[in-house]
Each structure stands twice: as C-alpha cells, then as structure tokens.
Amino acid sequence: MPHHAGNFDRTNTANSKESGLVQLVCFKLSQEDFGVDIHRVQEINRRVTVTRIPQSAAFVEGVIDLRGKIVPVIDLRRRFGFPVITEQSKESRIVVVETSKMTVGMIVDEVTEVLRLPTDSIKPTPELAQSDVEHQYILGVTNFPVARDEATGKTERLLIVLDMDQVFSKEEAKTLRELSEDLKS
C-alpha cells in the first residue's frame, strides 16, 4: 500500500485534525534529522541498562524492563544501515514508541525538539531522497527552520518523517513481540 504525507495517526488528535497541524518529536541520527508523530511516543529515556539477547537480529540491542513491561530496544543506526558507534554520547536517548504491531525502544543520537508543523508541509518522499534510509520507512519529508549555518548559509534543514508501522517487516515485528513475551513468562 503506498504511503502518503499527512497519513498520521490521529488517535487523540482531534485538535490536530481540525487545525491541520501535526506535532513531531525530532531526533538526530548520524547527522540527519528525523521526526515521529508525537502521539506514537510513549516516553523518552536517558540510556538505561539494556539486557542483551543472544542470537537476536543485528539491529536488536536487547530489552529493557519498563515498569514491569519487557520492551525490545533497537539500534536505529544499525536498522537503517548507518555507521555504528560503539559508545553512546550523553545526549543519546531511548525513544519508546508504539507501532501498530508493538511497543519498542529506539536508540537515537539525540532528541532535539518537538515541532508543530502544518500537515500539508510534509511532502511525499522524492524518488531520489537525500537520505540513506529506505523509502518504505519514510512517511514524508519537510524543511524546518534552523539558525543560520555559518558554513553553508542555510536557514532550513530537511526533516525525514518516519512511518513507525513500516520500520519493521511483519516477520521482524513478530520476532520482537515473541522476544518480549518469552522474557515476560
């Protein structure tokens, strides 16, 4: 099924629908800016101890116990094929999100802000996107204002809006759900 910009989860967002605005939690990953619909974000945590799981997929960092709920944690850099960093910085965070398939924690380099943008400012992904992230993960792209970059003179940056329901294949989602359930019992 094709994805199009503006296809945001509208659960509990009556005001957003009426106003034509969407709020995005923005984060950095390998010098690129990403955003996810704020209504998908359960919480943002500083790096906590992640329990590694033997023989799990390469992008699975492990699991965390989130108030009695076992939540798989993925390294989003590995998932998207970005260069892996062995030591996380003090800005690194685990963003816990709800997809249509499960709850999952994503390790990101830094959470930067919450943006409120007009829904129609998010455009479909161009065929030759300026990102190494595969197209199925991307809901759309938009430019957002930033302080003037002294090196380039630019006052806008490209923001890649992720489709959290497409970050994992059905098989990967099933494996992650089973991992959580096996450790819970």
Foldseek 3Di string as FASTA:
>chain_A
DDFWFLPAPCVVPPVCVVVQKFKWFWAAAQNAIETETPVFWPDKAFDDDFDCDPPDDPQWRHWDQDVLFIATEGEVCVLQVHDDDPDADRQWIWTWGQEVLGIHTYIGNHGDDMDMGRSVQFGQADPDHPDSGDRQQFNGKHWDADPQDPVPRDGIHIYTYTRVNRSDDPVSSVVRVVSRVVVSD
